[in-house]
Amino acid sequence: MDIQTVKVEANPQVVENTKLLCSALERDFQSLGYPSIIRKFTFQEGKKYLKVIDTTEIASGRSVHCFIDKVTGDVYKAAGWVKPAVGIRFNIIMELNEILAKCDCYGRYL
């Protein structure tokens, strides 16, 4: 018997709001005034989550900023590269304005 993994389709509103979060995080970093450092926030789609990735050009550093449930929009702090921490921090659909107002590139709002 073959076990097949079913990939869940991402909610389009979750994807769009994740793009807005990535842009807000980049703007926050730019506002700190480090013109020689390039820091980008992108996301990768996994089986269950969108993984928001923080990439810095210095030493090719990459880390996970947060995980976002692809269907519900629940936002989790990262426990590591592959899984979120326990406990929902926000919902990117219901609380988008609050997230965009509070977010910072270091993840203190999580």
C-alpha atoms as a PDB file:
ATOM      1  CA  MET A   1       0.000   0.000   0.000  1.00  0.00           C
ATOM      2  CA  ASP A   2       1.438   3.324  -1.077  1.00  0.00           C
ATOM      3  CA  ILE A   3       1.072   6.305   1.202  1.00  0.00           C
ATOM      4  CA  GLN A   4       0.725   9.513  -0.745  1.00  0.00           C
ATOM      5  CA  THR A   5       1.293  12.958   0.651  1.00  0.00           C
ATOM      6  CA  VAL A   6      -1.400  15.400  -0.354  1.00  0.00           C
ATOM      7  CA  LYS A   7      -0.235  18.981  -0.733  1.00  0.00           C
ATOM      8  CA  VAL A   8      -2.854  21.420   0.508  1.00  0.00           C
ATOM      9  CA  GLU A   9      -3.608  24.357  -1.779  1.00  0.00           C
ATOM     10  CA  ALA A  10      -2.723  27.725  -0.246  1.00  0.00           C
ATOM     11  CA  ASN A  11      -5.470  30.247   0.480  1.00  0.00           C
ATOM     12  CA  PRO A  12      -4.874  33.135  -2.007  1.00  0.00           C
ATOM     13  CA  GLN A  13      -5.589  35.740   0.696  1.00  0.00           C
ATOM     14  CA  VAL A  14      -2.954  34.153   2.959  1.00  0.00           C
ATOM     15  CA  VAL A  15      -0.404  34.288   0.123  1.00  0.00           C
ATOM     16  CA  GLU A  16      -1.197  37.944  -0.680  1.00  0.00           C
ATOM     17  CA  ASN A  17      -1.045  38.971   2.982  1.00  0.00           C
ATOM     18  CA  THR A  18       2.263  37.118   3.392  1.00  0.00           C
ATOM     19  CA  LYS A  19       3.672  39.195   0.524  1.00  0.00           C
ATOM     20  CA  LEU A  20       2.511  42.340   2.342  1.00  0.00           C
ATOM     21  CA  LEU A  21       4.191  41.126   5.550  1.00  0.00           C
ATOM     22  CA  CYS A  22       7.486  40.482   3.710  1.00  0.00           C
ATOM     23  CA  SER A  23       7.399  43.999   2.245  1.00  0.00           C
ATOM     24  CA  ALA A  24       6.659  45.522   5.662  1.00  0.00           C
ATOM     25  CA  LEU A  25       9.561  43.603   7.231  1.00  0.00           C
ATOM     26  CA  GLU A  26      11.953  44.856   4.532  1.00  0.00           C
ATOM     27  CA  ARG A  27      10.750  48.453   5.038  1.00  0.00           C
ATOM     28  CA  ASP A  28      11.289  48.116   8.786  1.00  0.00           C
ATOM     29  CA  PHE A  29      14.889  46.998   8.258  1.00  0.00           C
ATOM     30  CA  GLN A  30      15.558  49.803   5.761  1.00  0.00           C
ATOM     31  CA  SER A  31      14.240  52.338   8.267  1.00  0.00           C
ATOM     32  CA  LEU A  32      17.032  51.333  10.673  1.00  0.00           C
ATOM     33  CA  GLY A  33      19.583  52.977   8.368  1.00  0.00           C
ATOM     34  CA  TYR A  34      21.995  50.229   7.313  1.00  0.00           C
ATOM     35  CA  PRO A  35      22.487  51.147   3.638  1.00  0.00           C
ATOM     36  CA  SER A  36      25.388  48.730   3.083  1.00  0.00           C
ATOM     37  CA  ILE A  37      23.431  45.660   4.260  1.00  0.00           C
ATOM     38  CA  ILE A  38      20.841  44.044   2.022  1.00  0.00           C
ATOM     39  CA  ARG A  39      18.194  42.058   3.855  1.00  0.00           C
ATOM     40  CA  LYS A  40      15.323  40.336   2.036  1.00  0.00           C
ATOM     41  CA  PHE A  41      12.218  38.587   3.313  1.00  0.00           C
ATOM     42  CA  THR A  42      10.691  35.949   1.067  1.00  0.00           C
ATOM     43  CA  PHE A  43       8.586  32.855   1.602  1.00  0.00           C
ATOM     44  CA  GLN A  44       8.572  29.237   0.501  1.00  0.00           C
ATOM     45  CA  GLU A  45       5.496  27.068   0.264  1.00  0.00           C
ATOM     46  CA  GLY A  46       5.631  23.772   2.107  1.00  0.00           C
ATOM     47  CA  LYS A  47       3.056  21.044   2.698  1.00  0.00           C
ATOM     48  CA  LYS A  48       1.212  22.876   5.464  1.00  0.00           C
ATOM     49  CA  TYR A  49       2.959  26.212   6.000  1.00  0.00           C
ATOM     50  CA  LEU A  50       4.367  29.213   4.216  1.00  0.00           C
ATOM     51  CA  LYS A  51       7.874  29.653   5.634  1.00  0.00           C
ATOM     52  CA  VAL A  52       8.905  33.328   5.809  1.00  0.00           C
ATOM     53  CA  ILE A  53      12.679  33.433   5.292  1.00  0.00           C
ATOM     54  CA  ASP A  54      15.024  36.235   6.329  1.00  0.00           C
ATOM     55  CA  THR A  55      18.064  36.400   4.032  1.00  0.00           C
ATOM     56  CA  THR A  56      21.049  38.662   4.675  1.00  0.00           C
ATOM     57  CA  GLU A  57      23.836  39.097   2.135  1.00  0.00           C
ATOM     58  CA  ILE A  58      26.456  39.062   4.909  1.00  0.00           C
ATOM     59  CA  ALA A  59      27.854  35.531   5.138  1.00  0.00           C
ATOM     60  CA  SER A  60      24.883  34.336   3.095  1.00  0.00           C
ATOM     61  CA  GLY A  61      22.812  34.136   6.275  1.00  0.00           C
ATOM     62  CA  ARG A  62      19.325  32.665   6.175  1.00  0.00           C
ATOM     63  CA  SER A  63      16.879  32.057   8.981  1.00  0.00           C
ATOM     64  CA  VAL A  64      13.179  31.433   9.400  1.00  0.00           C
ATOM     65  CA  HIS A  65      11.264  34.500  10.551  1.00  0.00           C
ATOM     66  CA  CYS A  66       7.921  32.742  11.064  1.00  0.00           C
ATOM     67  CA  PHE A  67       5.562  30.088   9.733  1.00  0.00           C
ATOM     68  CA  ILE A  68       2.080  30.822   8.376  1.00  0.00           C
ATOM     69  CA  ASP A  69      -0.592  28.141   7.993  1.00  0.00           C
ATOM     70  CA  LYS A  70      -1.456  28.073   4.280  1.00  0.00           C
ATOM     71  CA  VAL A  71      -5.179  27.526   4.841  1.00  0.00           C
ATOM     72  CA  THR A  72      -6.129  29.317   8.069  1.00  0.00           C
ATOM     73  CA  GLY A  73      -3.542  32.138   8.055  1.00  0.00           C
ATOM     74  CA  ASP A  74      -2.406  31.417  11.614  1.00  0.00           C
ATOM     75  CA  VAL A  75       1.073  32.871  12.282  1.00  0.00           C
ATOM     76  CA  TYR A  76       3.592  30.953  14.397  1.00  0.00           C
ATOM     77  CA  LYS A  77       7.001  31.905  15.709  1.00  0.00           C
ATOM     78  CA  ALA A  78       9.701  29.620  14.300  1.00  0.00           C
ATOM     79  CA  ALA A  79      11.038  26.874  16.570  1.00  0.00           C
ATOM     80  CA  GLY A  80      13.724  26.117  13.993  1.00  0.00           C
ATOM     81  CA  TRP A  81      14.232  25.717  10.269  1.00  0.00           C
ATOM     82  CA  VAL A  82      11.647  22.965   9.806  1.00  0.00           C
ATOM     83  CA  LYS A  83       8.865  23.531  12.325  1.00  0.00           C
ATOM     84  CA  PRO A  84       6.918  26.252  14.092  1.00  0.00           C
ATOM     85  CA  ALA A  85       6.791  26.829  17.832  1.00  0.00           C
ATOM     86  CA  VAL A  86       3.660  25.841  19.723  1.00  0.00           C
ATOM     87  CA  GLY A  87       1.009  28.521  19.981  1.00  0.00           C
ATOM     88  CA  ILE A  88      -0.634  30.799  17.452  1.00  0.00           C
ATOM     89  CA  ARG A  89       0.675  34.376  17.611  1.00  0.00           C
ATOM     90  CA  PHE A  90      -1.638  36.098  15.103  1.00  0.00           C
ATOM     91  CA  ASN A  91      -3.937  35.378  12.186  1.00  0.00           C
ATOM     92  CA  ILE A  92      -2.745  37.071   9.008  1.00  0.00           C
ATOM     93  CA  ILE A  93      -6.286  37.226   7.586  1.00  0.00           C
ATOM     94  CA  MET A  94      -8.160  38.534  10.629  1.00  0.00           C
ATOM     95  CA  GLU A  95      -5.384  40.705  12.130  1.00  0.00           C
ATOM     96  CA  LEU A  96      -3.444  41.957   9.088  1.00  0.00           C
ATOM     97  CA  ASN A  97      -3.505  45.648  10.039  1.00  0.00           C
ATOM     98  CA  GLU A  98      -2.328  44.872  13.576  1.00  0.00           C
ATOM     99  CA  ILE A  99       0.508  42.676  12.267  1.00  0.00           C
ATOM    100  CA  LEU A 100       1.655  45.291   9.745  1.00  0.00           C
ATOM    101  CA  ALA A 101       1.618  47.988  12.437  1.00  0.00           C
ATOM    102  CA  LYS A 102       3.572  45.888  14.967  1.00  0.00           C
ATOM    103  CA  CYS A 103       5.934  43.838  12.814  1.00  0.00           C
ATOM    104  CA  ASP A 104       9.672  44.348  12.993  1.00  0.00           C
ATOM    105  CA  CYS A 105      12.497  42.635  11.158  1.00  0.00           C
ATOM    106  CA  TYR A 106      13.770  41.008  14.369  1.00  0.00           C
ATOM    107  CA  GLY A 107      10.518  39.209  15.207  1.00  0.00           C
ATOM    108  CA  ARG A 108       9.880  40.874  18.566  1.00  0.00           C
ATOM    109  CA  TYR A 109       6.174  41.152  17.710  1.00  0.00           C
ATOM    110  CA  LEU A 110       5.933  37.367  17.636  1.00  0.00           C
END
